[in-house]
């Protein structure tokens, strides 16, 4: 990332929405295909088919020589899991981090899915972790709509997690954060998922940010495997990752990787989305 924030015009945001909807299509296809017995390489192929159908390309493939179209992170894998021969098992918690480029404009978002079946207690715990991570993302998105500075997003996520009961409260991963996005996948500003005592950039129209909390069921300490990509928890505890790409413009907020623009989820916070056309 550079040191300058790229502010987008309304026309550029609309182009990013096109890329964002391709990512939403990928996520829908992955949800439909995710089941016991398929490999993470199979899921990568599903994503590639959607990209090809839309005349888009993955912004992950070849990025610092990354070998996959998407990232598939399973259970204790936090982020950047490489698709391959791993077979999905009943009860697995899988994060599908996906990106697309259309006409030079990038999109990036992540969903997490619990594969049906398996030990009910394990499945329930993993679904709870996914639900909490997803909600923390929406809390952060709502803060982007109502806040004054980028740091308000991390403050809101941190505060939400801290209010949870000890029995389910996850740890926030500190080493990996959200980011700006536009004609490159990773741009300024850095979007933290936790509070810091520092002055952060003002939230302004034209900003497009990826808000992507990563939470762990155990301690957030982590390391990268020998493949130089896959990040796993040190204690082997489960991890989860959700992400949306969100735009601010003069009229308001618009979630570019959500088919309804974020309308249904943000309504819970009293926020009305503002699509551009």
C-alpha atoms as a PDB file:
ATOM      1  CA  UNK A   1       0.000   0.000   0.000  1.00  0.00           C
ATOM      2  CA  UNK A   2       1.087   3.545  -0.651  1.00  0.00           C
ATOM      3  CA  UNK A   3       0.618   6.487   1.654  1.00  0.00           C
ATOM      4  CA  UNK A   4      -2.170   8.286  -0.184  1.00  0.00           C
ATOM      5  CA  UNK A   5      -5.888   7.515  -0.047  1.00  0.00           C
ATOM      6  CA  UNK A   6      -7.579   7.173  -3.440  1.00  0.00           C
ATOM      7  CA  UNK A   7     -10.970   8.898  -3.483  1.00  0.00           C
ATOM      8  CA  UNK A   8     -13.336   7.528  -6.112  1.00  0.00           C
ATOM      9  CA  UNK A   9     -15.883   9.340  -8.234  1.00  0.00           C
ATOM     10  CA  UNK A  10     -19.460   8.080  -8.322  1.00  0.00           C
ATOM     11  CA  UNK A  11     -18.775   6.597 -11.749  1.00  0.00           C
ATOM     12  CA  UNK A  12     -15.774   4.692 -10.419  1.00  0.00           C
ATOM     13  CA  UNK A  13     -17.782   3.405  -7.454  1.00  0.00           C
ATOM     14  CA  UNK A  14     -20.402   2.097  -9.887  1.00  0.00           C
ATOM     15  CA  UNK A  15     -17.643   0.231 -11.749  1.00  0.00           C
ATOM     16  CA  UNK A  16     -16.474  -1.256  -8.456  1.00  0.00           C
ATOM     17  CA  UNK A  17     -20.048  -2.342  -7.776  1.00  0.00           C
ATOM     18  CA  UNK A  18     -19.904  -4.376 -10.997  1.00  0.00           C
ATOM     19  CA  UNK A  19     -16.809  -6.179  -9.716  1.00  0.00           C
ATOM     20  CA  UNK A  20     -18.417  -6.515  -6.292  1.00  0.00           C
ATOM     21  CA  UNK A  21     -21.437  -8.289  -7.721  1.00  0.00           C
ATOM     22  CA  UNK A  22     -19.133 -10.796  -9.429  1.00  0.00           C
ATOM     23  CA  UNK A  23     -17.670 -11.584  -5.999  1.00  0.00           C
ATOM     24  CA  UNK A  24     -21.207 -11.940  -4.634  1.00  0.00           C
ATOM     25  CA  UNK A  25     -21.951 -14.437  -7.427  1.00  0.00           C
ATOM     26  CA  UNK A  26     -18.814 -16.384  -6.527  1.00  0.00           C
ATOM     27  CA  UNK A  27     -19.915 -16.552  -2.904  1.00  0.00           C
ATOM     28  CA  UNK A  28     -23.376 -17.786  -3.884  1.00  0.00           C
ATOM     29  CA  UNK A  29     -21.842 -20.505  -6.061  1.00  0.00           C
ATOM     30  CA  UNK A  30     -19.438 -21.547  -3.298  1.00  0.00           C
ATOM     31  CA  UNK A  31     -22.246 -21.778  -0.745  1.00  0.00           C
ATOM     32  CA  UNK A  32     -24.161 -24.034  -3.110  1.00  0.00           C
ATOM     33  CA  UNK A  33     -21.131 -26.243  -3.804  1.00  0.00           C
ATOM     34  CA  UNK A  34     -19.727 -26.521  -0.271  1.00  0.00           C
ATOM     35  CA  UNK A  35     -20.432 -30.005   1.087  1.00  0.00           C
ATOM     36  CA  UNK A  36     -18.572 -32.961   2.561  1.00  0.00           C
ATOM     37  CA  UNK A  37     -16.279 -34.724   0.111  1.00  0.00           C
ATOM     38  CA  UNK A  38     -15.338 -31.816  -2.149  1.00  0.00           C
ATOM     39  CA  UNK A  39     -11.809 -30.468  -2.089  1.00  0.00           C
ATOM     40  CA  UNK A  40     -10.728 -26.891  -1.675  1.00  0.00           C
ATOM     41  CA  UNK A  41      -9.324 -27.170  -5.225  1.00  0.00           C
ATOM     42  CA  UNK A  42     -12.862 -28.026  -6.389  1.00  0.00           C
ATOM     43  CA  UNK A  43     -14.069 -24.814  -4.763  1.00  0.00           C
ATOM     44  CA  UNK A  44     -11.329 -22.856  -6.510  1.00  0.00           C
ATOM     45  CA  UNK A  45     -12.614 -24.206  -9.828  1.00  0.00           C
ATOM     46  CA  UNK A  46     -16.164 -23.122  -8.961  1.00  0.00           C
ATOM     47  CA  UNK A  47     -14.877 -19.587  -8.433  1.00  0.00           C
ATOM     48  CA  UNK A  48     -12.927 -19.627 -11.697  1.00  0.00           C
ATOM     49  CA  UNK A  49     -16.024 -20.652 -13.641  1.00  0.00           C
ATOM     50  CA  UNK A  50     -17.958 -17.668 -12.253  1.00  0.00           C
ATOM     51  CA  UNK A  51     -15.088 -15.317 -13.040  1.00  0.00           C
ATOM     52  CA  UNK A  52     -14.854 -16.592 -16.614  1.00  0.00           C
ATOM     53  CA  UNK A  53     -18.614 -16.344 -17.125  1.00  0.00           C
ATOM     54  CA  UNK A  54     -18.460 -12.665 -16.169  1.00  0.00           C
ATOM     55  CA  UNK A  55     -15.343 -11.776 -18.137  1.00  0.00           C
ATOM     56  CA  UNK A  56     -13.552 -11.033 -14.863  1.00  0.00           C
ATOM     57  CA  UNK A  57     -10.266 -12.207 -13.420  1.00  0.00           C
ATOM     58  CA  UNK A  58      -9.120 -13.019  -9.916  1.00  0.00           C
ATOM     59  CA  UNK A  59      -7.007 -10.348  -8.259  1.00  0.00           C
ATOM     60  CA  UNK A  60      -5.606 -13.036  -5.945  1.00  0.00           C
ATOM     61  CA  UNK A  61      -4.121 -15.309  -8.619  1.00  0.00           C
ATOM     62  CA  UNK A  62      -0.477 -14.384  -9.204  1.00  0.00           C
ATOM     63  CA  UNK A  63      -0.487 -11.715  -6.473  1.00  0.00           C
ATOM     64  CA  UNK A  64       3.040 -12.129  -5.077  1.00  0.00           C
ATOM     65  CA  UNK A  65       2.879 -15.501  -6.892  1.00  0.00           C
ATOM     66  CA  UNK A  66      -0.225 -16.655  -5.003  1.00  0.00           C
ATOM     67  CA  UNK A  67      -1.321 -19.871  -6.801  1.00  0.00           C
ATOM     68  CA  UNK A  68      -5.106 -19.897  -6.247  1.00  0.00           C
ATOM     69  CA  UNK A  69      -8.105 -18.025  -7.602  1.00  0.00           C
ATOM     70  CA  UNK A  70      -9.463 -17.649  -4.052  1.00  0.00           C
ATOM     71  CA  UNK A  71      -8.335 -18.338  -0.481  1.00  0.00           C
ATOM     72  CA  UNK A  72      -9.879 -21.308   1.329  1.00  0.00           C
ATOM     73  CA  UNK A  73      -9.086 -21.292   5.047  1.00  0.00           C
ATOM     74  CA  UNK A  74     -10.355 -24.265   7.068  1.00  0.00           C
ATOM     75  CA  UNK A  75     -10.843 -24.479  10.848  1.00  0.00           C
ATOM     76  CA  UNK A  76      -7.568 -23.328  12.490  1.00  0.00           C
ATOM     77  CA  UNK A  77      -6.507 -21.512   9.299  1.00  0.00           C
ATOM     78  CA  UNK A  78      -7.143 -17.795   9.749  1.00  0.00           C
ATOM     79  CA  UNK A  79      -6.477 -16.450   6.266  1.00  0.00           C
ATOM     80  CA  UNK A  80      -4.670 -17.073   2.945  1.00  0.00           C
ATOM     81  CA  UNK A  81      -5.311 -20.824   2.820  1.00  0.00           C
ATOM     82  CA  UNK A  82      -4.281 -22.177  -0.591  1.00  0.00           C
ATOM     83  CA  UNK A  83      -6.841 -24.331  -2.456  1.00  0.00           C
ATOM     84  CA  UNK A  84      -5.613 -27.886  -2.970  1.00  0.00           C
ATOM     85  CA  UNK A  85      -6.354 -31.546  -2.236  1.00  0.00           C
ATOM     86  CA  UNK A  86      -7.795 -30.985   1.253  1.00  0.00           C
ATOM     87  CA  UNK A  87     -11.204 -32.667   1.447  1.00  0.00           C
ATOM     88  CA  UNK A  88     -13.930 -30.776   3.286  1.00  0.00           C
ATOM     89  CA  UNK A  89     -15.320 -32.771   6.201  1.00  0.00           C
ATOM     90  CA  UNK A  90     -18.695 -32.535   7.969  1.00  0.00           C
ATOM     91  CA  UNK A  91     -18.566 -29.691  10.475  1.00  0.00           C
ATOM     92  CA  UNK A  92     -15.576 -27.895   8.934  1.00  0.00           C
ATOM     93  CA  UNK A  93     -15.565 -24.100   9.197  1.00  0.00           C
ATOM     94  CA  UNK A  94     -14.372 -22.705   5.865  1.00  0.00           C
ATOM     95  CA  UNK A  95     -13.663 -19.086   4.974  1.00  0.00           C
ATOM     96  CA  UNK A  96     -13.879 -18.269   1.264  1.00  0.00           C
ATOM     97  CA  UNK A  97     -11.978 -15.042   0.552  1.00  0.00           C
ATOM     98  CA  UNK A  98     -12.578 -13.987  -3.049  1.00  0.00           C
ATOM     99  CA  UNK A  99     -11.678 -11.132  -5.338  1.00  0.00           C
ATOM    100  CA  UNK A 100     -12.407  -9.969  -8.865  1.00  0.00           C
ATOM    101  CA  UNK A 101     -11.188  -7.335 -11.286  1.00  0.00           C
ATOM    102  CA  UNK A 102     -13.510  -5.875 -13.926  1.00  0.00           C
ATOM    103  CA  UNK A 103     -12.294  -3.115 -16.255  1.00  0.00           C
ATOM    104  CA  UNK A 104      -9.378  -2.409 -13.940  1.00  0.00           C
ATOM    105  CA  UNK A 105     -11.447  -2.003 -10.761  1.00  0.00           C
ATOM    106  CA  UNK A 106     -11.082  -4.398  -7.859  1.00  0.00           C
ATOM    107  CA  UNK A 107     -13.461  -6.100  -5.436  1.00  0.00           C
ATOM    108  CA  UNK A 108     -12.683  -8.226  -2.380  1.00  0.00           C
ATOM    109  CA  UNK A 109     -14.937  -9.964   0.161  1.00  0.00           C
ATOM    110  CA  UNK A 110     -15.073 -13.069   2.348  1.00  0.00           C
ATOM    111  CA  UNK A 111     -17.776 -15.369   3.694  1.00  0.00           C
ATOM    112  CA  UNK A 112     -17.533 -18.284   6.100  1.00  0.00           C
ATOM    113  CA  UNK A 113     -19.525 -21.514   5.883  1.00  0.00           C
ATOM    114  CA  UNK A 114     -19.944 -24.444   8.260  1.00  0.00           C
ATOM    115  CA  UNK A 115     -20.108 -27.696   6.273  1.00  0.00           C
ATOM    116  CA  UNK A 116     -23.249 -29.667   7.246  1.00  0.00           C
ATOM    117  CA  UNK A 117     -22.938 -32.665   9.552  1.00  0.00           C
ATOM    118  CA  UNK A 118     -20.334 -33.670  12.076  1.00  0.00           C
ATOM    119  CA  UNK A 119     -20.331 -33.456  15.862  1.00  0.00           C
ATOM    120  CA  UNK A 120     -23.284 -31.208  16.836  1.00  0.00           C
ATOM    121  CA  UNK A 121     -21.325 -29.512  19.630  1.00  0.00           C
ATOM    122  CA  UNK A 122     -18.420 -28.700  17.313  1.00  0.00           C
ATOM    123  CA  UNK A 123     -20.751 -27.540  14.557  1.00  0.00           C
ATOM    124  CA  UNK A 124     -22.684 -25.306  16.953  1.00  0.00           C
ATOM    125  CA  UNK A 125     -19.508 -23.721  18.319  1.00  0.00           C
ATOM    126  CA  UNK A 126     -18.201 -23.059  14.815  1.00  0.00           C
ATOM    127  CA  UNK A 127     -21.510 -21.591  13.671  1.00  0.00           C
ATOM    128  CA  UNK A 128     -21.526 -19.329  16.727  1.00  0.00           C
ATOM    129  CA  UNK A 129     -18.007 -18.121  15.907  1.00  0.00           C
ATOM    130  CA  UNK A 130     -19.076 -17.437  12.321  1.00  0.00           C
ATOM    131  CA  UNK A 131     -22.216 -15.595  13.430  1.00  0.00           C
ATOM    132  CA  UNK A 132     -20.223 -13.425  15.835  1.00  0.00           C
ATOM    133  CA  UNK A 133     -17.575 -12.639  13.219  1.00  0.00           C
ATOM    134  CA  UNK A 134     -20.240 -11.752  10.662  1.00  0.00           C
ATOM    135  CA  UNK A 135     -22.047  -9.501  13.134  1.00  0.00           C
ATOM    136  CA  UNK A 136     -18.794  -7.767  14.068  1.00  0.00           C
ATOM    137  CA  UNK A 137     -18.339  -6.980  10.370  1.00  0.00           C
ATOM    138  CA  UNK A 138     -21.790  -5.393  10.152  1.00  0.00           C
ATOM    139  CA  UNK A 139     -21.140  -3.439  13.343  1.00  0.00           C
ATOM    140  CA  UNK A 140     -17.994  -2.105  11.676  1.00  0.00           C
ATOM    141  CA  UNK A 141     -19.859  -1.251   8.473  1.00  0.00           C
ATOM    142  CA  UNK A 142     -22.498   0.632  10.478  1.00  0.00           C
ATOM    143  CA  UNK A 143     -19.704   2.581  12.170  1.00  0.00           C
ATOM    144  CA  UNK A 144     -18.345   3.530   8.749  1.00  0.00           C
ATOM    145  CA  UNK A 145     -21.762   5.019   7.968  1.00  0.00           C
ATOM    146  CA  UNK A 146     -22.077   6.993  11.200  1.00  0.00           C
ATOM    147  CA  UNK A 147     -18.490   7.617  12.315  1.00  0.00           C
ATOM    148  CA  UNK A 148     -16.073  10.437  11.701  1.00  0.00           C
ATOM    149  CA  UNK A 149     -12.763   8.592  11.353  1.00  0.00           C
ATOM    150  CA  UNK A 150     -11.539   5.246  10.046  1.00  0.00           C
ATOM    151  CA  UNK A 151     -10.599   4.255  13.588  1.00  0.00           C
ATOM    152  CA  UNK A 152     -14.268   4.375  14.581  1.00  0.00           C
ATOM    153  CA  UNK A 153     -14.694   1.116  12.641  1.00  0.00           C
ATOM    154  CA  UNK A 154     -12.160  -0.731  14.777  1.00  0.00           C
ATOM    155  CA  UNK A 155     -13.546   0.878  17.929  1.00  0.00           C
ATOM    156  CA  UNK A 156     -17.020  -0.454  17.117  1.00  0.00           C
ATOM    157  CA  UNK A 157     -15.802  -3.977  16.338  1.00  0.00           C
ATOM    158  CA  UNK A 158     -13.693  -4.066  19.504  1.00  0.00           C
ATOM    159  CA  UNK A 159     -16.546  -2.777  21.658  1.00  0.00           C
ATOM    160  CA  UNK A 160     -18.986  -5.332  20.228  1.00  0.00           C
ATOM    161  CA  UNK A 161     -16.632  -8.250  20.874  1.00  0.00           C
ATOM    162  CA  UNK A 162     -15.933  -7.046  24.418  1.00  0.00           C
ATOM    163  CA  UNK A 163     -19.663  -7.027  25.244  1.00  0.00           C
ATOM    164  CA  UNK A 164     -20.000 -10.752  24.520  1.00  0.00           C
ATOM    165  CA  UNK A 165     -20.278 -13.330  27.267  1.00  0.00           C
ATOM    166  CA  UNK A 166     -17.011 -14.931  28.349  1.00  0.00           C
ATOM    167  CA  UNK A 167     -18.266 -18.310  27.162  1.00  0.00           C
ATOM    168  CA  UNK A 168     -18.369 -17.229  23.513  1.00  0.00           C
ATOM    169  CA  UNK A 169     -16.138 -14.144  23.322  1.00  0.00           C
ATOM    170  CA  UNK A 170     -13.487 -14.644  20.610  1.00  0.00           C
ATOM    171  CA  UNK A 171     -10.075 -13.053  20.276  1.00  0.00           C
ATOM    172  CA  UNK A 172      -9.510 -10.415  17.594  1.00  0.00           C
ATOM    173  CA  UNK A 173      -6.613 -11.165  15.239  1.00  0.00           C
ATOM    174  CA  UNK A 174      -4.238  -8.199  15.419  1.00  0.00           C
ATOM    175  CA  UNK A 175      -1.813  -8.967  12.587  1.00  0.00           C
ATOM    176  CA  UNK A 176      -4.282  -8.773   9.672  1.00  0.00           C
ATOM    177  CA  UNK A 177      -6.559  -5.854   8.899  1.00  0.00           C
ATOM    178  CA  UNK A 178      -8.899  -4.315   6.377  1.00  0.00           C
ATOM    179  CA  UNK A 179      -7.763  -1.837   3.751  1.00  0.00           C
ATOM    180  CA  UNK A 180      -8.667   0.625   1.075  1.00  0.00           C
ATOM    181  CA  UNK A 181      -9.322  -0.723  -2.413  1.00  0.00           C
ATOM    182  CA  UNK A 182      -9.800   0.697  -5.902  1.00  0.00           C
ATOM    183  CA  UNK A 183      -7.654   0.353  -9.010  1.00  0.00           C
ATOM    184  CA  UNK A 184      -5.405  -1.829  -6.829  1.00  0.00           C
ATOM    185  CA  UNK A 185      -6.492  -4.495  -4.355  1.00  0.00           C
ATOM    186  CA  UNK A 186      -4.651  -3.093  -1.346  1.00  0.00           C
ATOM    187  CA  UNK A 187      -4.607   0.650  -0.789  1.00  0.00           C
ATOM    188  CA  UNK A 188      -4.531   3.083   2.093  1.00  0.00           C
ATOM    189  CA  UNK A 189      -5.945   3.428   4.659  1.00  0.00           C
ATOM    190  CA  UNK A 190      -5.364   0.456   6.925  1.00  0.00           C
ATOM    191  CA  UNK A 191      -8.664  -0.507   8.584  1.00  0.00           C
ATOM    192  CA  UNK A 192      -8.005  -2.014  11.991  1.00  0.00           C
ATOM    193  CA  UNK A 193     -10.447  -4.383  13.685  1.00  0.00           C
ATOM    194  CA  UNK A 194      -9.602  -3.111  17.157  1.00  0.00           C
ATOM    195  CA  UNK A 195      -9.149   0.148  19.056  1.00  0.00           C
ATOM    196  CA  UNK A 196      -5.903   2.078  19.105  1.00  0.00           C
ATOM    197  CA  UNK A 197      -4.946   5.335  20.772  1.00  0.00           C
ATOM    198  CA  UNK A 198      -4.031   7.160  17.594  1.00  0.00           C
ATOM    199  CA  UNK A 199      -5.501   9.669  15.166  1.00  0.00           C
ATOM    200  CA  UNK A 200      -6.784   7.943  12.030  1.00  0.00           C
ATOM    201  CA  UNK A 201      -7.907   9.407   8.672  1.00  0.00           C
ATOM    202  CA  UNK A 202     -11.282  11.101   8.395  1.00  0.00           C
ATOM    203  CA  UNK A 203     -14.075   9.155   6.734  1.00  0.00           C
ATOM    204  CA  UNK A 204     -14.824  11.045   3.514  1.00  0.00           C
ATOM    205  CA  UNK A 205     -16.975  10.572   0.404  1.00  0.00           C
ATOM    206  CA  UNK A 206     -15.092   8.630  -2.253  1.00  0.00           C
ATOM    207  CA  UNK A 207     -13.543   6.181   0.196  1.00  0.00           C
ATOM    208  CA  UNK A 208     -13.965   2.483  -0.554  1.00  0.00           C
ATOM    209  CA  UNK A 209     -12.873   0.233   2.303  1.00  0.00           C
ATOM    210  CA  UNK A 210     -12.697  -3.496   2.925  1.00  0.00           C
ATOM    211  CA  UNK A 211     -13.910  -4.207   6.457  1.00  0.00           C
ATOM    212  CA  UNK A 212     -12.760  -7.695   7.421  1.00  0.00           C
ATOM    213  CA  UNK A 213     -12.657  -8.860  11.031  1.00  0.00           C
ATOM    214  CA  UNK A 214     -10.862 -12.136  11.745  1.00  0.00           C
ATOM    215  CA  UNK A 215     -11.682 -13.747  15.081  1.00  0.00           C
ATOM    216  CA  UNK A 216     -10.415 -16.860  16.842  1.00  0.00           C
ATOM    217  CA  UNK A 217     -12.053 -19.184  19.339  1.00  0.00           C
ATOM    218  CA  UNK A 218      -8.790 -19.352  21.298  1.00  0.00           C
ATOM    219  CA  UNK A 219      -5.823 -17.009  21.520  1.00  0.00           C
ATOM    220  CA  UNK A 220      -5.211 -14.885  18.414  1.00  0.00           C
ATOM    221  CA  UNK A 221      -1.460 -15.594  18.254  1.00  0.00           C
ATOM    222  CA  UNK A 222      -0.622 -17.076  14.858  1.00  0.00           C
ATOM    223  CA  UNK A 223       2.077 -18.113  12.435  1.00  0.00           C
ATOM    224  CA  UNK A 224       2.503 -18.760   8.714  1.00  0.00           C
ATOM    225  CA  UNK A 225       3.008 -22.300   7.435  1.00  0.00           C
ATOM    226  CA  UNK A 226       5.872 -23.486   5.236  1.00  0.00           C
ATOM    227  CA  UNK A 227       3.818 -22.724   2.096  1.00  0.00           C
ATOM    228  CA  UNK A 228       4.494 -19.044   2.991  1.00  0.00           C
ATOM    229  CA  UNK A 229       0.796 -18.164   2.733  1.00  0.00           C
ATOM    230  CA  UNK A 230      -1.480 -20.090   5.085  1.00  0.00           C
ATOM    231  CA  UNK A 231      -1.829 -18.384   8.476  1.00  0.00           C
ATOM    232  CA  UNK A 232      -2.916 -20.629  11.372  1.00  0.00           C
ATOM    233  CA  UNK A 233      -3.607 -20.156  15.061  1.00  0.00           C
ATOM    234  CA  UNK A 234      -0.724 -21.142  17.317  1.00  0.00           C
ATOM    235  CA  UNK A 235      -3.044 -23.062  19.650  1.00  0.00           C
ATOM    236  CA  UNK A 236      -4.931 -24.868  16.872  1.00  0.00           C
ATOM    237  CA  UNK A 237      -8.205 -23.163  17.778  1.00  0.00           C
ATOM    238  CA  UNK A 238     -10.781 -22.344  15.123  1.00  0.00           C
ATOM    239  CA  UNK A 239     -10.685 -19.045  13.261  1.00  0.00           C
ATOM    240  CA  UNK A 240     -13.231 -17.158  11.180  1.00  0.00           C
ATOM    241  CA  UNK A 241     -13.141 -14.348   8.615  1.00  0.00           C
ATOM    242  CA  UNK A 242     -15.887 -12.190   7.096  1.00  0.00           C
ATOM    243  CA  UNK A 243     -15.414  -9.220   4.774  1.00  0.00           C
ATOM    244  CA  UNK A 244     -17.356  -6.729   2.682  1.00  0.00           C
ATOM    245  CA  UNK A 245     -16.229  -3.919   0.394  1.00  0.00           C
ATOM    246  CA  UNK A 246     -18.016  -0.698   1.311  1.00  0.00           C
ATOM    247  CA  UNK A 247     -18.220   2.708  -0.379  1.00  0.00           C
ATOM    248  CA  UNK A 248     -18.940   6.144   1.044  1.00  0.00           C
ATOM    249  CA  UNK A 249     -20.216   8.830  -1.326  1.00  0.00           C
ATOM    250  CA  UNK A 250     -22.014  12.153  -0.973  1.00  0.00           C
ATOM    251  CA  UNK A 251     -25.367  10.384  -0.699  1.00  0.00           C
ATOM    252  CA  UNK A 252     -24.363   7.848   1.940  1.00  0.00           C
ATOM    253  CA  UNK A 253     -23.066   4.289   2.224  1.00  0.00           C
ATOM    254  CA  UNK A 254     -23.264   1.354  -0.199  1.00  0.00           C
ATOM    255  CA  UNK A 255     -22.015  -2.197   0.411  1.00  0.00           C
ATOM    256  CA  UNK A 256     -20.627  -3.072  -3.006  1.00  0.00           C
ATOM    257  CA  UNK A 257     -20.232  -6.829  -2.454  1.00  0.00           C
ATOM    258  CA  UNK A 258     -23.726  -7.413  -1.003  1.00  0.00           C
ATOM    259  CA  UNK A 259     -26.487  -7.976  -3.594  1.00  0.00           C
ATOM    260  CA  UNK A 260     -28.939  -5.648  -1.812  1.00  0.00           C
ATOM    261  CA  UNK A 261     -26.215  -3.115  -1.090  1.00  0.00           C
ATOM    262  CA  UNK A 262     -26.434  -3.842   2.618  1.00  0.00           C
ATOM    263  CA  UNK A 263     -30.021  -2.610   2.928  1.00  0.00           C
ATOM    264  CA  UNK A 264     -31.452  -5.438   5.031  1.00  0.00           C
ATOM    265  CA  UNK A 265     -28.552  -5.683   7.482  1.00  0.00           C
ATOM    266  CA  UNK A 266     -27.955  -1.969   7.943  1.00  0.00           C
ATOM    267  CA  UNK A 267     -31.662  -1.355   8.531  1.00  0.00           C
ATOM    268  CA  UNK A 268     -31.135  -3.023  11.916  1.00  0.00           C
ATOM    269  CA  UNK A 269     -28.841  -0.100  12.789  1.00  0.00           C
ATOM    270  CA  UNK A 270     -31.266   2.525  11.494  1.00  0.00           C
ATOM    271  CA  UNK A 271     -29.120   3.131   8.408  1.00  0.00           C
ATOM    272  CA  UNK A 272     -30.510   3.480   4.880  1.00  0.00           C
ATOM    273  CA  UNK A 273     -28.143   2.562   2.069  1.00  0.00           C
ATOM    274  CA  UNK A 274     -27.651   4.862  -0.896  1.00  0.00           C
ATOM    275  CA  UNK A 275     -27.126   3.004  -4.189  1.00  0.00           C
ATOM    276  CA  UNK A 276     -25.739   4.929  -7.146  1.00  0.00           C
ATOM    277  CA  UNK A 277     -27.025   4.597 -10.690  1.00  0.00           C
END
